[in-house]
Amino acid sequence: MDPFIELFHSEKSDQEKKSALRSLLQEELINYEGAAHYLGISRTTLRKYIKEKRIQPLIDQPQFQVFLKSDIDAYLQKKGK
């Protein structure tokens, strides 16, 4: 099950859920530069991959892209890296 769904359906207090959510977001979200580094490619190549729809950011604004690390992992697994 998705860790976010598990968290919201858990018996934890609101404060515990808030803390756990912060941790999950820090583990699961990665910015543009971090994604390029994680993939082992340049930022220019990452921009090309986004345009080619190989990788899709969770948030895609002109000066701000955020990716799910699990999406990048899935891409790497599919690519066979």
N, C-alpha and C. Protein backbone atom coordinates (compact mmCIF):
# COMPACT_ATOMS: atom_id res chain seq x y z
N MET A 1 0.85 -1.19 0.00
CA MET A 1 0.00 0.00 0.00
C MET A 1 0.89 1.25 0.00
N ASP A 2 0.41 2.29 -0.58
CA ASP A 2 1.11 3.56 -0.65
C ASP A 2 1.38 4.09 0.77
N PRO A 3 2.61 4.52 1.06
CA PRO A 3 2.91 4.98 2.42
C PRO A 3 2.10 6.20 2.86
N PHE A 4 1.70 7.05 1.91
CA PHE A 4 0.89 8.21 2.26
C PHE A 4 -0.51 7.77 2.69
N ILE A 5 -1.07 6.82 1.97
CA ILE A 5 -2.40 6.31 2.32
C ILE A 5 -2.35 5.60 3.67
N GLU A 6 -1.32 4.79 3.86
CA GLU A 6 -1.16 4.10 5.15
C GLU A 6 -1.11 5.10 6.29
N LEU A 7 -0.37 6.18 6.09
CA LEU A 7 -0.23 7.19 7.13
C LEU A 7 -1.58 7.80 7.49
N PHE A 8 -2.36 8.16 6.49
CA PHE A 8 -3.64 8.83 6.76
C PHE A 8 -4.68 7.89 7.36
N HIS A 9 -4.51 6.60 7.15
CA HIS A 9 -5.45 5.64 7.72
C HIS A 9 -4.95 5.06 9.04
N SER A 10 -3.80 5.51 9.49
CA SER A 10 -3.22 4.97 10.71
C SER A 10 -3.93 5.52 11.95
N GLU A 11 -3.64 4.91 13.06
CA GLU A 11 -4.24 5.29 14.33
C GLU A 11 -3.42 6.37 15.05
N LYS A 12 -2.43 6.92 14.40
CA LYS A 12 -1.55 7.90 15.02
C LYS A 12 -2.30 9.20 15.30
N SER A 13 -1.77 9.94 16.28
CA SER A 13 -2.34 11.25 16.59
C SER A 13 -2.04 12.21 15.44
N ASP A 14 -2.73 13.34 15.41
CA ASP A 14 -2.50 14.33 14.35
C ASP A 14 -1.05 14.81 14.35
N GLN A 15 -0.51 15.01 15.54
CA GLN A 15 0.88 15.48 15.64
C GLN A 15 1.84 14.42 15.11
N GLU A 16 1.59 13.15 15.41
CA GLU A 16 2.43 12.07 14.91
C GLU A 16 2.31 11.95 13.39
N LYS A 17 1.10 12.12 12.88
CA LYS A 17 0.90 12.07 11.43
C LYS A 17 1.63 13.22 10.74
N LYS A 18 1.57 14.39 11.34
CA LYS A 18 2.24 15.57 10.78
C LYS A 18 3.75 15.34 10.71
N SER A 19 4.31 14.81 11.76
CA SER A 19 5.74 14.52 11.81
C SER A 19 6.11 13.44 10.80
N ALA A 20 5.31 12.40 10.75
CA ALA A 20 5.57 11.30 9.80
C ALA A 20 5.44 11.79 8.36
N LEU A 21 4.48 12.68 8.10
CA LEU A 21 4.30 13.22 6.76
C LEU A 21 5.51 14.05 6.34
N ARG A 22 6.02 14.85 7.25
CA ARG A 22 7.24 15.62 6.94
C ARG A 22 8.39 14.70 6.55
N SER A 23 8.57 13.63 7.31
CA SER A 23 9.64 12.68 7.02
C SER A 23 9.43 12.02 5.66
N LEU A 24 8.20 11.61 5.40
CA LEU A 24 7.89 10.98 4.11
C LEU A 24 8.18 11.92 2.95
N LEU A 25 7.78 13.17 3.09
CA LEU A 25 8.00 14.14 2.02
C LEU A 25 9.48 14.38 1.79
N GLN A 26 10.25 14.45 2.87
CA GLN A 26 11.69 14.65 2.74
C GLN A 26 12.34 13.45 2.05
N GLU A 27 11.83 12.27 2.31
CA GLU A 27 12.38 11.06 1.70
C GLU A 27 11.93 10.90 0.25
N GLU A 28 10.72 11.30 -0.07
CA GLU A 28 10.10 10.97 -1.35
C GLU A 28 10.20 12.08 -2.40
N LEU A 29 10.32 13.33 -2.00
CA LEU A 29 10.37 14.43 -2.97
C LEU A 29 11.81 14.83 -3.27
N ILE A 30 12.05 15.17 -4.52
CA ILE A 30 13.39 15.56 -4.93
C ILE A 30 13.28 16.71 -5.94
N ASN A 31 14.12 17.71 -5.78
CA ASN A 31 14.05 18.87 -6.67
C ASN A 31 14.75 18.59 -8.00
N TYR A 32 14.71 19.55 -8.88
CA TYR A 32 15.24 19.41 -10.24
C TYR A 32 16.72 19.03 -10.25
N GLU A 33 17.51 19.80 -9.54
CA GLU A 33 18.95 19.53 -9.50
C GLU A 33 19.24 18.18 -8.85
N GLY A 34 18.51 17.89 -7.77
CA GLY A 34 18.68 16.60 -7.09
C GLY A 34 18.30 15.44 -7.99
N ALA A 35 17.25 15.61 -8.79
CA ALA A 35 16.82 14.55 -9.70
C ALA A 35 17.90 14.28 -10.76
N ALA A 36 18.46 15.35 -11.31
CA ALA A 36 19.52 15.18 -12.31
C ALA A 36 20.71 14.44 -11.70
N HIS A 37 21.09 14.84 -10.50
CA HIS A 37 22.20 14.18 -9.80
C HIS A 37 21.88 12.71 -9.53
N TYR A 38 20.69 12.44 -9.04
CA TYR A 38 20.25 11.09 -8.71
C TYR A 38 20.26 10.19 -9.96
N LEU A 39 19.86 10.77 -11.09
CA LEU A 39 19.86 10.04 -12.36
C LEU A 39 21.25 9.92 -12.98
N GLY A 40 22.18 10.74 -12.51
CA GLY A 40 23.53 10.73 -13.06
C GLY A 40 23.60 11.39 -14.43
N ILE A 41 22.75 12.42 -14.63
CA ILE A 41 22.71 13.14 -15.90
C ILE A 41 22.81 14.64 -15.64
N SER A 42 23.03 15.39 -16.69
CA SER A 42 23.09 16.84 -16.54
C SER A 42 21.67 17.40 -16.44
N ARG A 43 21.58 18.65 -15.98
CA ARG A 43 20.28 19.31 -15.93
C ARG A 43 19.69 19.49 -17.33
N THR A 44 20.57 19.72 -18.30
CA THR A 44 20.11 19.86 -19.69
C THR A 44 19.49 18.56 -20.19
N THR A 45 20.10 17.44 -19.86
CA THR A 45 19.56 16.14 -20.25
C THR A 45 18.23 15.88 -19.55
N LEU A 46 18.14 16.25 -18.29
CA LEU A 46 16.87 16.08 -17.58
C LEU A 46 15.78 16.91 -18.25
N ARG A 47 16.10 18.14 -18.63
CA ARG A 47 15.13 18.98 -19.33
C ARG A 47 14.66 18.29 -20.61
N LYS A 48 15.59 17.67 -21.33
CA LYS A 48 15.26 16.93 -22.55
C LYS A 48 14.33 15.75 -22.22
N TYR A 49 14.63 15.01 -21.17
CA TYR A 49 13.79 13.88 -20.76
C TYR A 49 12.38 14.33 -20.42
N ILE A 50 12.26 15.48 -19.78
CA ILE A 50 10.93 16.01 -19.43
C ILE A 50 10.16 16.35 -20.71
N LYS A 51 10.83 17.02 -21.64
CA LYS A 51 10.18 17.38 -22.90
C LYS A 51 9.75 16.15 -23.69
N GLU A 52 10.56 15.09 -23.59
CA GLU A 52 10.25 13.83 -24.29
C GLU A 52 9.26 12.96 -23.50
N LYS A 53 8.87 13.44 -22.33
CA LYS A 53 7.92 12.75 -21.46
C LYS A 53 8.46 11.41 -20.93
N ARG A 54 9.78 11.30 -20.86
CA ARG A 54 10.38 10.11 -20.25
C ARG A 54 10.20 10.14 -18.74
N ILE A 55 10.32 11.34 -18.19
CA ILE A 55 10.16 11.57 -16.75
C ILE A 55 9.24 12.75 -16.57
N GLN A 56 8.28 12.62 -15.68
CA GLN A 56 7.33 13.70 -15.45
C GLN A 56 7.46 14.21 -14.02
N PRO A 57 7.63 15.51 -13.84
CA PRO A 57 7.65 16.06 -12.50
C PRO A 57 6.26 16.01 -11.86
N LEU A 58 6.25 15.89 -10.56
CA LEU A 58 5.00 15.96 -9.81
C LEU A 58 4.46 17.38 -9.88
N ILE A 59 5.36 18.34 -9.72
CA ILE A 59 5.04 19.76 -9.84
C ILE A 59 5.91 20.31 -10.96
N ASP A 60 5.29 20.94 -11.94
CA ASP A 60 6.02 21.43 -13.09
C ASP A 60 5.66 22.89 -13.35
N GLN A 61 6.42 23.78 -12.73
CA GLN A 61 6.27 25.22 -12.92
C GLN A 61 7.52 25.72 -13.63
N PRO A 62 7.45 26.86 -14.31
CA PRO A 62 8.61 27.34 -15.07
C PRO A 62 9.94 27.35 -14.31
N GLN A 63 9.94 27.76 -13.09
CA GLN A 63 11.19 27.83 -12.33
C GLN A 63 11.22 26.85 -11.15
N PHE A 64 10.33 25.85 -11.18
CA PHE A 64 10.22 24.98 -10.02
C PHE A 64 9.64 23.62 -10.43
N GLN A 65 10.48 22.61 -10.39
CA GLN A 65 10.02 21.25 -10.66
C GLN A 65 10.36 20.38 -9.45
N VAL A 66 9.41 19.51 -9.10
CA VAL A 66 9.60 18.56 -8.01
C VAL A 66 9.21 17.19 -8.53
N PHE A 67 10.01 16.20 -8.19
CA PHE A 67 9.80 14.84 -8.65
C PHE A 67 9.57 13.92 -7.47
N LEU A 68 8.84 12.83 -7.72
CA LEU A 68 8.74 11.76 -6.73
C LEU A 68 9.93 10.84 -6.96
N LYS A 69 10.65 10.57 -5.88
CA LYS A 69 11.81 9.70 -6.00
C LYS A 69 11.38 8.33 -6.52
N SER A 70 10.20 7.87 -6.13
CA SER A 70 9.72 6.57 -6.60
C SER A 70 9.49 6.57 -8.11
N ASP A 71 9.09 7.70 -8.69
CA ASP A 71 8.94 7.79 -10.15
C ASP A 71 10.30 7.69 -10.84
N ILE A 72 11.30 8.33 -10.25
CA ILE A 72 12.65 8.26 -10.82
C ILE A 72 13.19 6.84 -10.69
N ASP A 73 12.96 6.21 -9.54
CA ASP A 73 13.39 4.82 -9.36
C ASP A 73 12.72 3.90 -10.38
N ALA A 74 11.42 4.13 -10.62
CA ALA A 74 10.69 3.32 -11.61
C ALA A 74 11.29 3.53 -13.01
N TYR A 75 11.63 4.77 -13.34
CA TYR A 75 12.26 5.06 -14.63
C TYR A 75 13.59 4.32 -14.74
N LEU A 76 14.39 4.38 -13.70
CA LEU A 76 15.69 3.69 -13.72
C LEU A 76 15.52 2.18 -13.85
N GLN A 77 14.54 1.64 -13.15
CA GLN A 77 14.30 0.20 -13.23
C GLN A 77 13.84 -0.19 -14.64
N LYS A 78 12.96 0.62 -15.21
CA LYS A 78 12.46 0.37 -16.56
C LYS A 78 13.62 0.46 -17.58
N LYS A 79 14.48 1.42 -17.33
CA LYS A 79 15.63 1.64 -18.23
C LYS A 79 16.65 0.51 -18.07
N GLY A 80 16.61 -0.17 -16.91
CA GLY A 80 17.54 -1.27 -16.68
C GLY A 80 18.88 -0.83 -16.14
N LYS A 81 18.86 0.29 -15.44
CA LYS A 81 20.10 0.83 -14.90
C LYS A 81 20.41 0.23 -13.56
